[in-house]
Amino acid sequence: MNPYHDFVTQLDRLLREGKHYPLGGFPAPQRPLLPADAPRALIFSPHPDDECIIGGLALRLVREAGMRVVNVAVTQGSRADRQDARWNELQAACEYLGFDLVATAPRGLERVNPTTRTNEPEHWSRSVERVAGIIAEQRPAVMFFPHDTDWNSTHVGTHLLLLDALRTQPAGYSPLVIETEFWGAMPSPNLMVELSVEDVTRMITALSFHVGEVQRNPYHLLVPPWMQDNVRRGGELVGGQGGAAPDFSFATLYRVRRWASGELQPVWPGGRIVTAAMSAVQALAAS
């Protein structure tokens, strides 16, 4: 018998079986007690659910560095009839992940995309002002937001929105910026972070709380294979062409830079691979 046939058959079986698993409703793991002055990491999520998909490093920073992770809901989706429900789902997902949650507006910001930035400067300026206010209030040491070619117009718009908001901050403010990817792969990630089975389980369980979305399209079941493909890509893009393949199953890719002198600047040469045995916060330190 061809063992690869059995391998593919089992993958297909698990995917079909997973479509019948319960969505949300799982008790949240106990959250660590963090001091009020714990360093903060902000995730600027273009849509409710992005925090679950790209938040692997943030999850590790909570556990390994005692950071307070705050998810900022840039939008609550484009469908007005779903925005209230999506906020409720988002609250449950963040509680399960152990992330705090901040809203940008009662139903999120609207029309966060490059076209709005060009054609509706007053509307865009109000959105920039709101995000800049959140940054000034929270003063994060680390910020997560999508890279500039993450395909989806709201993801690209969120990247532009954050750059414009950072330009309004005091000159001495210099947070670490971690660009994320989902819809469009980055051509030049410089960090690959290993995620354990427990990490991935927690992330896709949290994603299942976004019930209205995953009922329509059970994409939460495809996140683990995506993370496996990240290992394939990251082994070459981050580890170097022709390098040894990483000996782990799941990873997320990022591009780490620092905001300084009004632009994103490199923090280290080449790429870094952070295994589960390493400290994520030490791996983020500049060389």
Protein backbone atom coordinates (compact mmCIF):
# COMPACT_ATOMS: atom_id res chain seq x y z
CA MET A 1 0.00 0.00 0.00
CA ASN A 2 1.18 3.52 -0.79
CA PRO A 3 1.61 5.22 2.64
CA TYR A 4 1.09 8.65 1.09
CA HIS A 5 -2.44 7.68 0.09
CA ASP A 6 -3.21 6.96 3.73
CA PHE A 7 -1.54 10.23 4.74
CA VAL A 8 -3.69 12.30 2.38
CA THR A 9 -6.82 10.29 3.25
CA GLN A 10 -6.34 11.05 6.93
CA LEU A 11 -5.90 14.76 6.23
CA ASP A 12 -9.09 14.78 4.20
CA ARG A 13 -10.95 12.86 6.91
CA LEU A 14 -9.84 15.22 9.66
CA LEU A 15 -10.87 18.28 7.67
CA ARG A 16 -14.34 16.85 7.00
CA GLU A 17 -14.70 15.74 10.61
CA GLY A 18 -13.62 19.13 11.91
CA LYS A 19 -16.56 20.81 10.19
CA HIS A 20 -18.81 19.16 12.80
CA TYR A 21 -16.84 20.29 15.86
CA PRO A 22 -18.53 22.79 18.21
CA LEU A 23 -17.89 26.50 17.64
CA GLY A 24 -17.01 28.68 20.60
CA GLY A 25 -18.36 28.14 24.08
CA PHE A 26 -15.14 26.68 25.47
CA PRO A 27 -14.09 27.82 28.96
CA ALA A 28 -11.24 30.32 28.82
CA PRO A 29 -7.88 29.25 30.28
CA GLN A 30 -6.83 31.10 33.40
CA ARG A 31 -5.21 34.43 32.54
CA PRO A 32 -1.89 35.39 34.14
CA LEU A 33 -2.00 38.19 36.68
CA LEU A 34 -0.08 41.10 35.17
CA PRO A 35 1.02 44.28 36.93
CA ALA A 36 -0.59 47.53 35.84
CA ASP A 37 2.71 48.72 34.41
CA ALA A 38 3.41 45.55 32.40
CA PRO A 39 4.86 46.39 28.96
CA ARG A 40 2.19 46.45 26.27
CA ALA A 41 1.92 44.96 22.83
CA LEU A 42 -0.89 46.21 20.59
CA ILE A 43 -2.36 44.15 17.76
CA PHE A 44 -4.12 46.37 15.23
CA SER A 45 -6.54 43.92 13.65
CA PRO A 46 -8.13 44.94 10.34
CA HIS A 47 -11.04 42.56 11.01
CA PRO A 48 -12.34 40.58 13.98
CA ASP A 49 -10.54 37.18 13.74
CA ASP A 50 -7.11 38.49 12.66
CA GLU A 51 -5.99 38.41 16.29
CA CYS A 52 -6.47 34.63 16.31
CA ILE A 53 -4.70 34.02 13.02
CA ILE A 54 -1.54 36.11 13.36
CA GLY A 55 -1.32 36.29 17.16
CA GLY A 56 1.04 33.38 17.80
CA LEU A 57 3.99 35.56 18.79
CA ALA A 58 1.72 37.76 20.92
CA LEU A 59 0.47 34.66 22.73
CA ARG A 60 4.06 33.69 23.48
CA LEU A 61 4.90 37.21 24.67
CA VAL A 62 2.10 37.00 27.25
CA ARG A 63 3.34 33.67 28.52
CA GLU A 64 7.09 34.15 28.29
CA ALA A 65 7.55 37.88 28.90
CA GLY A 66 4.52 38.89 30.97
CA MET A 67 3.45 41.41 28.34
CA ARG A 68 -0.08 42.76 28.27
CA VAL A 69 -1.43 42.19 24.77
CA VAL A 70 -4.21 44.53 23.66
CA ASN A 71 -6.15 43.79 20.51
CA VAL A 72 -7.36 46.98 18.79
CA ALA A 73 -10.40 46.33 16.62
CA VAL A 74 -9.67 48.65 13.70
CA THR A 75 -12.93 47.64 12.01
CA GLN A 76 -15.80 45.33 12.89
CA GLY A 77 -16.26 44.23 9.31
CA SER A 78 -18.06 45.91 6.44
CA ARG A 79 -21.51 44.37 6.98
CA ALA A 80 -23.50 46.70 9.26
CA ASP A 81 -25.92 43.90 10.17
CA ARG A 82 -23.05 41.80 11.54
CA GLN A 83 -20.98 44.43 13.37
CA ASP A 84 -22.59 44.08 16.79
CA ALA A 85 -22.44 40.29 16.62
CA ARG A 86 -18.85 40.38 15.45
CA TRP A 87 -17.92 42.55 18.44
CA ASN A 88 -19.49 40.01 20.80
CA GLU A 89 -17.65 37.17 19.08
CA LEU A 90 -14.42 39.16 19.25
CA GLN A 91 -14.81 39.74 22.98
CA ALA A 92 -15.16 36.01 23.56
CA ALA A 93 -12.18 35.18 21.33
CA CYS A 94 -9.93 37.71 23.07
CA GLU A 95 -10.99 36.45 26.49
CA TYR A 96 -10.03 32.93 25.42
CA LEU A 97 -6.64 34.12 24.15
CA GLY A 98 -5.98 36.25 27.23
CA PHE A 99 -5.85 39.51 25.25
CA ASP A 100 -7.37 42.83 26.31
CA LEU A 101 -9.63 44.50 23.76
CA VAL A 102 -10.07 48.11 22.66
CA ALA A 103 -12.61 49.48 20.17
CA THR A 104 -11.74 52.26 17.76
CA ALA A 105 -15.40 53.34 17.44
CA PRO A 106 -18.80 51.96 18.53
CA ARG A 107 -18.90 49.85 15.36
CA GLY A 108 -15.27 50.18 14.32
CA LEU A 109 -13.75 52.48 11.76
CA GLU A 110 -15.26 52.52 8.27
CA ARG A 111 -13.68 52.45 4.82
CA VAL A 112 -10.11 51.77 5.97
CA ASN A 113 -8.48 51.33 2.58
CA PRO A 114 -6.05 53.08 0.23
CA THR A 115 -8.86 54.61 -1.84
CA THR A 116 -10.30 56.39 1.18
CA ARG A 117 -6.86 57.70 2.08
CA THR A 118 -6.60 59.28 -1.39
CA ASN A 119 -10.17 60.39 -2.03
CA GLU A 120 -11.58 61.17 1.44
CA PRO A 121 -8.83 63.01 3.32
CA GLU A 122 -11.12 64.38 6.05
CA HIS A 123 -12.58 60.97 6.84
CA TRP A 124 -9.09 59.44 6.78
CA SER A 125 -7.72 62.15 9.05
CA ARG A 126 -10.37 61.38 11.68
CA SER A 127 -9.42 57.70 11.59
CA VAL A 128 -5.73 58.55 11.93
CA GLU A 129 -6.51 60.81 14.88
CA ARG A 130 -8.41 58.03 16.65
CA VAL A 131 -5.65 55.46 16.16
CA ALA A 132 -2.98 57.98 17.14
CA GLY A 133 -4.90 58.62 20.35
CA ILE A 134 -4.93 54.90 21.19
CA ILE A 135 -1.17 54.70 20.63
CA ALA A 136 -0.58 57.78 22.80
CA GLU A 137 -2.77 56.37 25.57
CA GLN A 138 -1.45 52.80 25.51
CA ARG A 139 2.20 53.61 24.71
CA PRO A 140 3.00 50.10 23.44
CA ALA A 141 6.54 48.79 23.32
CA VAL A 142 5.50 46.47 20.47
CA MET A 143 2.95 46.95 17.70
CA PHE A 144 1.54 44.35 15.29
CA PHE A 145 -0.15 45.35 12.04
CA PRO A 146 -0.31 44.00 8.46
CA HIS A 147 2.47 44.50 5.94
CA ASP A 148 2.02 46.83 3.01
CA THR A 149 1.07 44.22 0.39
CA ASP A 150 -1.26 41.98 2.41
CA TRP A 151 -3.67 41.99 -0.58
CA ASN A 152 -6.97 42.66 1.22
CA SER A 153 -7.76 46.37 0.90
CA THR A 154 -8.58 46.75 4.61
CA HIS A 155 -5.32 45.05 5.57
CA VAL A 156 -3.35 47.37 3.29
CA GLY A 157 -5.40 50.31 4.58
CA THR A 158 -4.59 49.36 8.17
CA HIS A 159 -0.88 49.38 7.33
CA LEU A 160 -1.17 52.89 5.89
CA LEU A 161 -3.35 54.04 8.79
CA LEU A 162 -0.76 52.93 11.35
CA LEU A 163 2.13 54.59 9.51
CA ASP A 164 0.18 57.86 9.37
CA ALA A 165 -0.68 57.55 13.08
CA LEU A 166 2.94 56.85 14.01
CA ARG A 167 4.01 60.00 12.18
CA THR A 168 1.97 62.03 14.68
CA GLN A 169 3.75 60.62 17.74
CA PRO A 170 6.55 62.43 19.62
CA ALA A 171 9.99 62.17 18.01
CA GLY A 172 11.45 60.06 20.82
CA TYR A 173 8.81 57.34 20.62
CA SER A 174 10.38 54.27 19.02
CA PRO A 175 8.29 51.09 19.29
CA LEU A 176 9.16 47.76 17.76
CA VAL A 177 6.88 47.19 14.75
CA ILE A 178 6.02 43.61 13.80
CA GLU A 179 4.35 43.35 10.41
CA THR A 180 2.02 40.41 9.89
CA GLU A 181 0.76 38.48 6.88
CA PHE A 182 -2.30 36.46 6.00
CA TRP A 183 -3.90 37.27 2.66
CA GLY A 184 -0.66 38.16 0.90
CA ALA A 185 2.67 36.53 1.70
CA MET A 186 5.55 38.85 2.54
CA PRO A 187 8.49 38.64 0.14
CA SER A 188 10.94 39.46 2.93
CA PRO A 189 9.95 38.20 6.40
CA ASN A 190 12.82 38.24 8.87
CA LEU A 191 11.32 36.29 11.77
CA MET A 192 9.85 32.80 11.99
CA VAL A 193 8.27 31.86 15.32
CA GLU A 194 7.63 28.22 16.18
CA LEU A 195 4.21 27.51 17.69
CA SER A 196 3.50 24.45 19.79
CA VAL A 197 0.53 22.15 19.39
CA GLU A 198 -0.92 23.82 22.48
CA ASP A 199 -0.44 27.29 20.96
CA VAL A 200 -2.11 26.34 17.68
CA THR A 201 -4.94 24.59 19.51
CA ARG A 202 -5.62 27.72 21.54
CA MET A 203 -5.53 29.93 18.45
CA ILE A 204 -7.96 27.90 16.34
CA THR A 205 -10.23 27.33 19.34
CA ALA A 206 -10.36 31.10 19.81
CA LEU A 207 -11.03 31.47 16.08
CA SER A 208 -14.02 29.16 16.43
CA PHE A 209 -15.64 31.82 18.67
CA HIS A 210 -16.08 33.90 15.49
CA VAL A 211 -19.10 31.73 14.85
CA GLY A 212 -20.82 33.74 12.14
CA GLU A 213 -17.70 33.80 10.03
CA VAL A 214 -16.55 30.18 10.33
CA GLN A 215 -20.09 28.86 9.80
CA ARG A 216 -19.98 30.57 6.42
CA ASN A 217 -16.47 29.34 5.66
CA PRO A 218 -14.70 26.95 8.07
CA TYR A 219 -11.33 28.58 7.49
CA HIS A 220 -10.32 27.99 11.11
CA LEU A 221 -9.62 24.38 10.09
CA LEU A 222 -7.15 25.56 7.44
CA VAL A 223 -5.03 27.68 9.76
CA PRO A 224 -2.85 24.75 10.97
CA PRO A 225 -1.93 23.70 7.38
CA TRP A 226 -1.17 27.36 6.61
CA MET A 227 1.17 27.41 9.60
CA GLN A 228 2.83 24.24 8.31
CA ASP A 229 3.40 25.91 4.97
CA ASN A 230 4.93 28.84 6.83
CA VAL A 231 7.60 26.42 8.07
CA ARG A 232 8.38 25.48 4.46
CA ARG A 233 8.56 29.10 3.33
CA GLY A 234 10.30 30.39 6.43
CA GLY A 235 13.01 27.78 6.29
CA GLU A 236 14.28 29.45 3.10
CA LEU A 237 13.02 33.05 3.34
CA VAL A 238 14.10 33.55 6.95
CA GLY A 239 16.69 30.82 7.43
CA GLY A 240 18.43 31.38 4.12
CA GLN A 241 18.18 29.74 0.72
CA GLY A 242 19.37 26.16 0.79
CA GLY A 243 19.50 26.03 4.59
CA ALA A 244 18.51 23.08 6.74
CA ALA A 245 14.76 22.59 7.10
CA PRO A 246 13.41 23.51 10.56
CA ASP A 247 12.48 20.51 12.67
CA PHE A 248 9.06 21.69 13.83
CA SER A 249 5.52 21.64 12.49
CA PHE A 250 3.90 25.07 12.95
CA ALA A 251 5.11 28.65 12.62
CA THR A 252 4.07 32.20 11.87
CA LEU A 253 6.16 34.60 9.79
CA TYR A 254 6.72 38.26 10.59
CA ARG A 255 8.85 41.24 9.55
CA VAL A 256 10.35 43.08 12.51
CA ARG A 257 11.52 46.67 12.26
CA ARG A 258 11.67 49.67 14.56
CA TRP A 259 9.88 52.99 14.11
CA ALA A 260 12.53 55.73 14.38
CA SER A 261 13.12 59.11 12.77
CA GLY A 262 9.77 58.95 11.00
CA GLU A 263 10.26 55.62 9.24
CA LEU A 264 10.58 51.87 9.71
CA GLN A 265 14.20 50.90 10.19
CA PRO A 266 15.97 47.50 10.35
CA VAL A 267 16.76 46.07 13.77
CA TRP A 268 19.00 43.18 12.76
CA PRO A 269 20.67 41.81 9.63
CA GLY A 270 19.27 38.68 8.00
CA GLY A 271 16.58 36.55 9.59
CA ARG A 272 15.89 34.85 12.90
CA ILE A 273 14.14 31.60 13.74
CA VAL A 274 12.64 31.42 17.23
CA THR A 275 12.04 27.86 18.36
CA ALA A 276 9.77 26.83 21.22
CA ALA A 277 12.87 26.29 23.38
CA MET A 278 13.95 29.93 22.97
CA SER A 279 12.61 33.03 24.70
CA ALA A 280 10.53 35.04 22.27
CA VAL A 281 11.36 38.34 23.97
CA GLN A 282 15.11 37.69 23.90
CA ALA A 283 14.88 36.78 20.24
CA LEU A 284 13.31 40.19 19.52
CA ALA A 285 16.26 42.06 21.02
CA ALA A 286 18.36 44.01 18.56
CA SER A 287 21.73 42.47 17.76
